[in-house]
Amino acid sequence: MDIRLPDMDEINVMQEIRKIRKDIPIIAQTAYAMMDDKNRLLQSDFDDYLAKPVKPSVLYDMLMAYLQ
């Protein structure tokens, strides 16, 4: 899920998704790759974090980890 959403707070959106599907992995994805953002998002119940530009091999490995 991109964390820079227009008119929405990414943490609130993630929490709403969790109300519907507790078991679905939610990966925060952003071009704003600041260490503080990463730590804040991971502490807010996102399952993982992916910074742009996305390397295909990193995306593939991350998806495979959650799909197994």
PDB file of N, CA and C in Angstrom:
ATOM      1  N   MET A   1       0.843  -1.167   0.000  1.00  0.00           N
ATOM      2  CA  MET A   1       0.000   0.000   0.000  1.00  0.00           C
ATOM      3  C   MET A   1       0.892   1.235   0.000  1.00  0.00           C
ATOM      4  N   ASP A   2       0.643   2.139  -0.932  1.00  0.00           N
ATOM      5  CA  ASP A   2       1.398   3.388  -0.961  1.00  0.00           C
ATOM      6  C   ASP A   2       1.011   4.206   0.262  1.00  0.00           C
ATOM      7  N   ILE A   3       1.997   4.763   0.960  1.00  0.00           N
ATOM      8  CA  ILE A   3       1.680   5.483   2.188  1.00  0.00           C
ATOM      9  C   ILE A   3       1.348   6.956   1.965  1.00  0.00           C
ATOM     10  N   ARG A   4       1.522   7.446   0.776  1.00  0.00           N
ATOM     11  CA  ARG A   4       1.150   8.835   0.488  1.00  0.00           C
ATOM     12  C   ARG A   4      -0.161   8.843  -0.285  1.00  0.00           C
ATOM     13  N   LEU A   5      -1.247   8.757   0.454  1.00  0.00           N
ATOM     14  CA  LEU A   5      -2.571   8.715  -0.142  1.00  0.00           C
ATOM     15  C   LEU A   5      -3.219  10.089  -0.062  1.00  0.00           C
ATOM     16  N   PRO A   6      -3.889  10.510  -1.119  1.00  0.00           N
ATOM     17  CA  PRO A   6      -4.564  11.813  -1.069  1.00  0.00           C
ATOM     18  C   PRO A   6      -5.760  11.760  -0.110  1.00  0.00           C
ATOM     19  N   ASP A   7      -5.830  12.700   0.787  1.00  0.00           N
ATOM     20  CA  ASP A   7      -6.964  12.857   1.702  1.00  0.00           C
ATOM     21  C   ASP A   7      -7.169  11.693   2.665  1.00  0.00           C
ATOM     22  N   MET A   8      -6.157  10.849   2.847  1.00  0.00           N
ATOM     23  CA  MET A   8      -6.285   9.721   3.767  1.00  0.00           C
ATOM     24  C   MET A   8      -4.990   9.541   4.539  1.00  0.00           C
ATOM     25  N   ASP A   9      -5.123   9.100   5.769  1.00  0.00           N
ATOM     26  CA  ASP A   9      -3.965   8.780   6.583  1.00  0.00           C
ATOM     27  C   ASP A   9      -3.661   7.295   6.416  1.00  0.00           C
ATOM     28  N   GLU A  10      -2.433   6.978   6.050  1.00  0.00           N
ATOM     29  CA  GLU A  10      -2.068   5.598   5.747  1.00  0.00           C
ATOM     30  C   GLU A  10      -2.283   4.643   6.927  1.00  0.00           C
ATOM     31  N   ILE A  11      -2.063   5.101   8.125  1.00  0.00           N
ATOM     32  CA  ILE A  11      -2.245   4.230   9.293  1.00  0.00           C
ATOM     33  C   ILE A  11      -3.726   3.953   9.522  1.00  0.00           C
ATOM     34  N   ASN A  12      -4.571   4.956   9.351  1.00  0.00           N
ATOM     35  CA  ASN A  12      -6.012   4.732   9.495  1.00  0.00           C
ATOM     36  C   ASN A  12      -6.538   3.771   8.437  1.00  0.00           C
ATOM     37  N   VAL A  13      -6.049   3.899   7.206  1.00  0.00           N
ATOM     38  CA  VAL A  13      -6.468   2.991   6.137  1.00  0.00           C
ATOM     39  C   VAL A  13      -6.041   1.561   6.467  1.00  0.00           C
ATOM     40  N   MET A  14      -4.804   1.406   6.908  1.00  0.00           N
ATOM     41  CA  MET A  14      -4.309   0.084   7.280  1.00  0.00           C
ATOM     42  C   MET A  14      -5.159  -0.510   8.402  1.00  0.00           C
ATOM     43  N   GLN A  15      -5.522   0.287   9.394  1.00  0.00           N
ATOM     44  CA  GLN A  15      -6.349  -0.203  10.502  1.00  0.00           C
ATOM     45  C   GLN A  15      -7.743  -0.615  10.025  1.00  0.00           C
ATOM     46  N   GLU A  16      -8.298   0.111   9.069  1.00  0.00           N
ATOM     47  CA  GLU A  16      -9.604  -0.263   8.508  1.00  0.00           C
ATOM     48  C   GLU A  16      -9.510  -1.589   7.751  1.00  0.00           C
ATOM     49  N   ILE A  17      -8.421  -1.776   7.016  1.00  0.00           N
ATOM     50  CA  ILE A  17      -8.213  -3.049   6.320  1.00  0.00           C
ATOM     51  C   ILE A  17      -8.113  -4.175   7.338  1.00  0.00           C
ATOM     52  N   ARG A  18      -7.397  -3.953   8.417  1.00  0.00           N
ATOM     53  CA  ARG A  18      -7.233  -4.971   9.468  1.00  0.00           C
ATOM     54  C   ARG A  18      -8.580  -5.364  10.101  1.00  0.00           C
ATOM     55  N   LYS A  19      -9.514  -4.428  10.177  1.00  0.00           N
ATOM     56  CA  LYS A  19     -10.833  -4.747  10.723  1.00  0.00           C
ATOM     57  C   LYS A  19     -11.563  -5.762   9.843  1.00  0.00           C
ATOM     58  N   ILE A  20     -11.321  -5.678   8.532  1.00  0.00           N
ATOM     59  CA  ILE A  20     -11.980  -6.553   7.572  1.00  0.00           C
ATOM     60  C   ILE A  20     -11.214  -7.864   7.395  1.00  0.00           C
ATOM     61  N   ARG A  21      -9.894  -7.750   7.276  1.00  0.00           N
ATOM     62  CA  ARG A  21      -9.035  -8.929   7.029  1.00  0.00           C
ATOM     63  C   ARG A  21      -7.808  -8.855   7.927  1.00  0.00           C
ATOM     64  N   LYS A  22      -7.865  -9.499   9.056  1.00  0.00           N
ATOM     65  CA  LYS A  22      -6.741  -9.501   9.985  1.00  0.00           C
ATOM     66  C   LYS A  22      -5.546 -10.288   9.453  1.00  0.00           C
ATOM     67  N   ASP A  23      -5.816 -11.236   8.567  1.00  0.00           N
ATOM     68  CA  ASP A  23      -4.785 -12.150   8.098  1.00  0.00           C
ATOM     69  C   ASP A  23      -4.030 -11.688   6.857  1.00  0.00           C
ATOM     70  N   ILE A  24      -4.439 -10.591   6.243  1.00  0.00           N
ATOM     71  CA  ILE A  24      -3.807 -10.158   4.999  1.00  0.00           C
ATOM     72  C   ILE A  24      -2.538  -9.342   5.295  1.00  0.00           C
ATOM     73  N   PRO A  25      -1.428  -9.675   4.647  1.00  0.00           N
ATOM     74  CA  PRO A  25      -0.215  -8.878   4.850  1.00  0.00           C
ATOM     75  C   PRO A  25      -0.360  -7.512   4.190  1.00  0.00           C
ATOM     76  N   ILE A  26       0.082  -6.485   4.890  1.00  0.00           N
ATOM     77  CA  ILE A  26       0.048  -5.131   4.332  1.00  0.00           C
ATOM     78  C   ILE A  26       1.480  -4.598   4.338  1.00  0.00           C
ATOM     79  N   ILE A  27       1.968  -4.311   3.139  1.00  0.00           N
ATOM     80  CA  ILE A  27       3.329  -3.820   2.959  1.00  0.00           C
ATOM     81  C   ILE A  27       3.259  -2.338   2.631  1.00  0.00           C
ATOM     82  N   ALA A  28       3.902  -1.522   3.448  1.00  0.00           N
ATOM     83  CA  ALA A  28       3.969  -0.081   3.197  1.00  0.00           C
ATOM     84  C   ALA A  28       4.983   0.161   2.084  1.00  0.00           C
ATOM     85  N   GLN A  29       4.609   0.978   1.121  1.00  0.00           N
ATOM     86  CA  GLN A  29       5.481   1.254  -0.030  1.00  0.00           C
ATOM     87  C   GLN A  29       5.494   2.755  -0.260  1.00  0.00           C
ATOM     88  N   THR A  30       6.702   3.316  -0.452  1.00  0.00           N
ATOM     89  CA  THR A  30       6.804   4.753  -0.635  1.00  0.00           C
ATOM     90  C   THR A  30       8.091   5.163  -1.327  1.00  0.00           C
ATOM     91  N   ALA A  31       8.052   6.331  -1.929  1.00  0.00           N
ATOM     92  CA  ALA A  31       9.257   6.936  -2.491  1.00  0.00           C
ATOM     93  C   ALA A  31       9.969   7.773  -1.435  1.00  0.00           C
ATOM     94  N   TYR A  32       9.293   8.038  -0.327  1.00  0.00           N
ATOM     95  CA  TYR A  32       9.850   8.836   0.760  1.00  0.00           C
ATOM     96  C   TYR A  32      10.504   7.910   1.768  1.00  0.00           C
ATOM     97  N   ALA A  33      11.695   7.438   1.427  1.00  0.00           N
ATOM     98  CA  ALA A  33      12.346   6.372   2.198  1.00  0.00           C
ATOM     99  C   ALA A  33      13.209   6.939   3.330  1.00  0.00           C
ATOM    100  N   MET A  34      12.570   7.493   4.313  1.00  0.00           N
ATOM    101  CA  MET A  34      13.276   7.984   5.488  1.00  0.00           C
ATOM    102  C   MET A  34      13.216   6.903   6.569  1.00  0.00           C
ATOM    103  N   MET A  35      14.303   6.720   7.305  1.00  0.00           N
ATOM    104  CA  MET A  35      14.353   5.685   8.338  1.00  0.00           C
ATOM    105  C   MET A  35      13.263   5.898   9.388  1.00  0.00           C
ATOM    106  N   ASP A  36      12.975   7.143   9.730  1.00  0.00           N
ATOM    107  CA  ASP A  36      11.911   7.416  10.706  1.00  0.00           C
ATOM    108  C   ASP A  36      10.561   6.928  10.196  1.00  0.00           C
ATOM    109  N   ASP A  37      10.280   7.139   8.898  1.00  0.00           N
ATOM    110  CA  ASP A  37       9.030   6.652   8.306  1.00  0.00           C
ATOM    111  C   ASP A  37       8.956   5.140   8.390  1.00  0.00           C
ATOM    112  N   LYS A  38      10.033   4.475   8.026  1.00  0.00           N
ATOM    113  CA  LYS A  38      10.053   3.018   8.051  1.00  0.00           C
ATOM    114  C   LYS A  38       9.768   2.505   9.459  1.00  0.00           C
ATOM    115  N   ASN A  39      10.456   3.027  10.443  1.00  0.00           N
ATOM    116  CA  ASN A  39      10.263   2.582  11.826  1.00  0.00           C
ATOM    117  C   ASN A  39       8.847   2.864  12.312  1.00  0.00           C
ATOM    118  N   ARG A  40       8.322   4.039  12.000  1.00  0.00           N
ATOM    119  CA  ARG A  40       6.968   4.415  12.429  1.00  0.00           C
ATOM    120  C   ARG A  40       5.927   3.480  11.824  1.00  0.00           C
ATOM    121  N   LEU A  41       6.075   3.170  10.552  1.00  0.00           N
ATOM    122  CA  LEU A  41       5.112   2.309   9.865  1.00  0.00           C
ATOM    123  C   LEU A  41       5.179   0.868  10.370  1.00  0.00           C
ATOM    124  N   LEU A  42       6.378   0.368  10.572  1.00  0.00           N
ATOM    125  CA  LEU A  42       6.508  -0.997  11.064  1.00  0.00           C
ATOM    126  C   LEU A  42       5.978  -1.126  12.496  1.00  0.00           C
ATOM    127  N   GLN A  43       6.123  -0.074  13.282  1.00  0.00           N
ATOM    128  CA  GLN A  43       5.588  -0.077  14.649  1.00  0.00           C
ATOM    129  C   GLN A  43       4.072   0.112  14.660  1.00  0.00           C
ATOM    130  N   SER A  44       3.516   0.542  13.535  1.00  0.00           N
ATOM    131  CA  SER A  44       2.072   0.787  13.431  1.00  0.00           C
ATOM    132  C   SER A  44       1.305  -0.404  12.880  1.00  0.00           C
ATOM    133  N   ASP A  45       1.931  -1.553  12.804  1.00  0.00           N
ATOM    134  CA  ASP A  45       1.271  -2.805  12.420  1.00  0.00           C
ATOM    135  C   ASP A  45       1.320  -3.125  10.923  1.00  0.00           C
ATOM    136  N   PHE A  46       2.080  -2.367  10.140  1.00  0.00           N
ATOM    137  CA  PHE A  46       2.339  -2.816   8.771  1.00  0.00           C
ATOM    138  C   PHE A  46       3.242  -4.035   8.870  1.00  0.00           C
ATOM    139  N   ASP A  47       3.105  -4.960   7.945  1.00  0.00           N
ATOM    140  CA  ASP A  47       3.900  -6.179   8.001  1.00  0.00           C
ATOM    141  C   ASP A  47       5.313  -5.993   7.475  1.00  0.00           C
ATOM    142  N   ASP A  48       5.468  -5.083   6.534  1.00  0.00           N
ATOM    143  CA  ASP A  48       6.788  -4.877   5.941  1.00  0.00           C
ATOM    144  C   ASP A  48       6.827  -3.505   5.299  1.00  0.00           C
ATOM    145  N   TYR A  49       7.982  -3.151   4.732  1.00  0.00           N
ATOM    146  CA  TYR A  49       8.214  -1.835   4.165  1.00  0.00           C
ATOM    147  C   TYR A  49       9.036  -2.003   2.894  1.00  0.00           C
ATOM    148  N   LEU A  50       8.650  -1.299   1.846  1.00  0.00           N
ATOM    149  CA  LEU A  50       9.335  -1.371   0.566  1.00  0.00           C
ATOM    150  C   LEU A  50       9.513   0.046   0.031  1.00  0.00           C
ATOM    151  N   ALA A  51      10.753   0.430  -0.225  1.00  0.00           N
ATOM    152  CA  ALA A  51      11.044   1.781  -0.704  1.00  0.00           C
ATOM    153  C   ALA A  51      11.212   1.797  -2.224  1.00  0.00           C
ATOM    154  N   LYS A  52      10.771   2.898  -2.840  1.00  0.00           N
ATOM    155  CA  LYS A  52      11.003   3.107  -4.277  1.00  0.00           C
ATOM    156  C   LYS A  52      12.398   3.691  -4.449  1.00  0.00           C
ATOM    157  N   PRO A  53      13.044   3.462  -5.548  1.00  0.00           N
ATOM    158  CA  PRO A  53      12.600   2.598  -6.630  1.00  0.00           C
ATOM    159  C   PRO A  53      12.652   1.134  -6.192  1.00  0.00           C
ATOM    160  N   VAL A  54      11.626   0.413  -6.573  1.00  0.00           N
ATOM    161  CA  VAL A  54      11.508  -0.985  -6.182  1.00  0.00           C
ATOM    162  C   VAL A  54      12.384  -1.846  -7.088  1.00  0.00           C
ATOM    163  N   LYS A  55      13.236  -2.624  -6.467  1.00  0.00           N
ATOM    164  CA  LYS A  55      14.046  -3.575  -7.223  1.00  0.00           C
ATOM    165  C   LYS A  55      13.213  -4.838  -7.405  1.00  0.00           C
ATOM    166  N   PRO A  56      13.062  -5.300  -8.631  1.00  0.00           N
ATOM    167  CA  PRO A  56      12.228  -6.480  -8.876  1.00  0.00           C
ATOM    168  C   PRO A  56      12.591  -7.682  -8.007  1.00  0.00           C
ATOM    169  N   SER A  57      13.857  -7.916  -7.792  1.00  0.00           N
ATOM    170  CA  SER A  57      14.266  -9.073  -6.987  1.00  0.00           C
ATOM    171  C   SER A  57      13.840  -8.927  -5.525  1.00  0.00           C
ATOM    172  N   VAL A  58      13.891  -7.720  -4.999  1.00  0.00           N
ATOM    173  CA  VAL A  58      13.469  -7.475  -3.615  1.00  0.00           C
ATOM    174  C   VAL A  58      11.957  -7.656  -3.495  1.00  0.00           C
ATOM    175  N   LEU A  59      11.205  -7.121  -4.458  1.00  0.00           N
ATOM    176  CA  LEU A  59       9.757  -7.279  -4.466  1.00  0.00           C
ATOM    177  C   LEU A  59       9.387  -8.762  -4.568  1.00  0.00           C
ATOM    178  N   TYR A  60      10.028  -9.474  -5.459  1.00  0.00           N
ATOM    179  CA  TYR A  60       9.742 -10.898  -5.641  1.00  0.00           C
ATOM    180  C   TYR A  60      10.005 -11.668  -4.347  1.00  0.00           C
ATOM    181  N   ASP A  61      11.154 -11.429  -3.732  1.00  0.00           N
ATOM    182  CA  ASP A  61      11.507 -12.133  -2.492  1.00  0.00           C
ATOM    183  C   ASP A  61      10.508 -11.820  -1.370  1.00  0.00           C
ATOM    184  N   MET A  62      10.097 -10.560  -1.292  1.00  0.00           N
ATOM    185  CA  MET A  62       9.151 -10.166  -0.254  1.00  0.00           C
ATOM    186  C   MET A  62       7.789 -10.833  -0.481  1.00  0.00           C
ATOM    187  N   LEU A  63       7.329 -10.807  -1.709  1.00  0.00           N
ATOM    188  CA  LEU A  63       6.039 -11.437  -2.009  1.00  0.00           C
ATOM    189  C   LEU A  63       6.077 -12.942  -1.759  1.00  0.00           C
ATOM    190  N   MET A  64       7.163 -13.579  -2.151  1.00  0.00           N
ATOM    191  CA  MET A  64       7.279 -15.018  -1.925  1.00  0.00           C
ATOM    192  C   MET A  64       7.269 -15.353  -0.435  1.00  0.00           C
ATOM    193  N   ALA A  65       7.859 -14.514   0.373  1.00  0.00           N
ATOM    194  CA  ALA A  65       7.875 -14.748   1.820  1.00  0.00           C
ATOM    195  C   ALA A  65       6.466 -14.728   2.398  1.00  0.00           C
ATOM    196  N   TYR A  66       5.591 -13.863   1.868  1.00  0.00           N
ATOM    197  CA  TYR A  66       4.231 -13.751   2.378  1.00  0.00           C
ATOM    198  C   TYR A  66       3.258 -14.723   1.728  1.00  0.00           C
ATOM    199  N   LEU A  67       3.600 -15.245   0.553  1.00  0.00           N
ATOM    200  CA  LEU A  67       2.695 -16.152  -0.147  1.00  0.00           C
ATOM    201  C   LEU A  67       2.917 -17.614   0.218  1.00  0.00           C
ATOM    202  N   GLN A  68       3.956 -17.900   0.941  1.00  0.00           N
ATOM    203  CA  GLN A  68       4.235 -19.300   1.300  1.00  0.00           C
ATOM    204  C   GLN A  68       3.465 -19.727   2.521  1.00  0.00           C
TER     205      GLN A  68
END
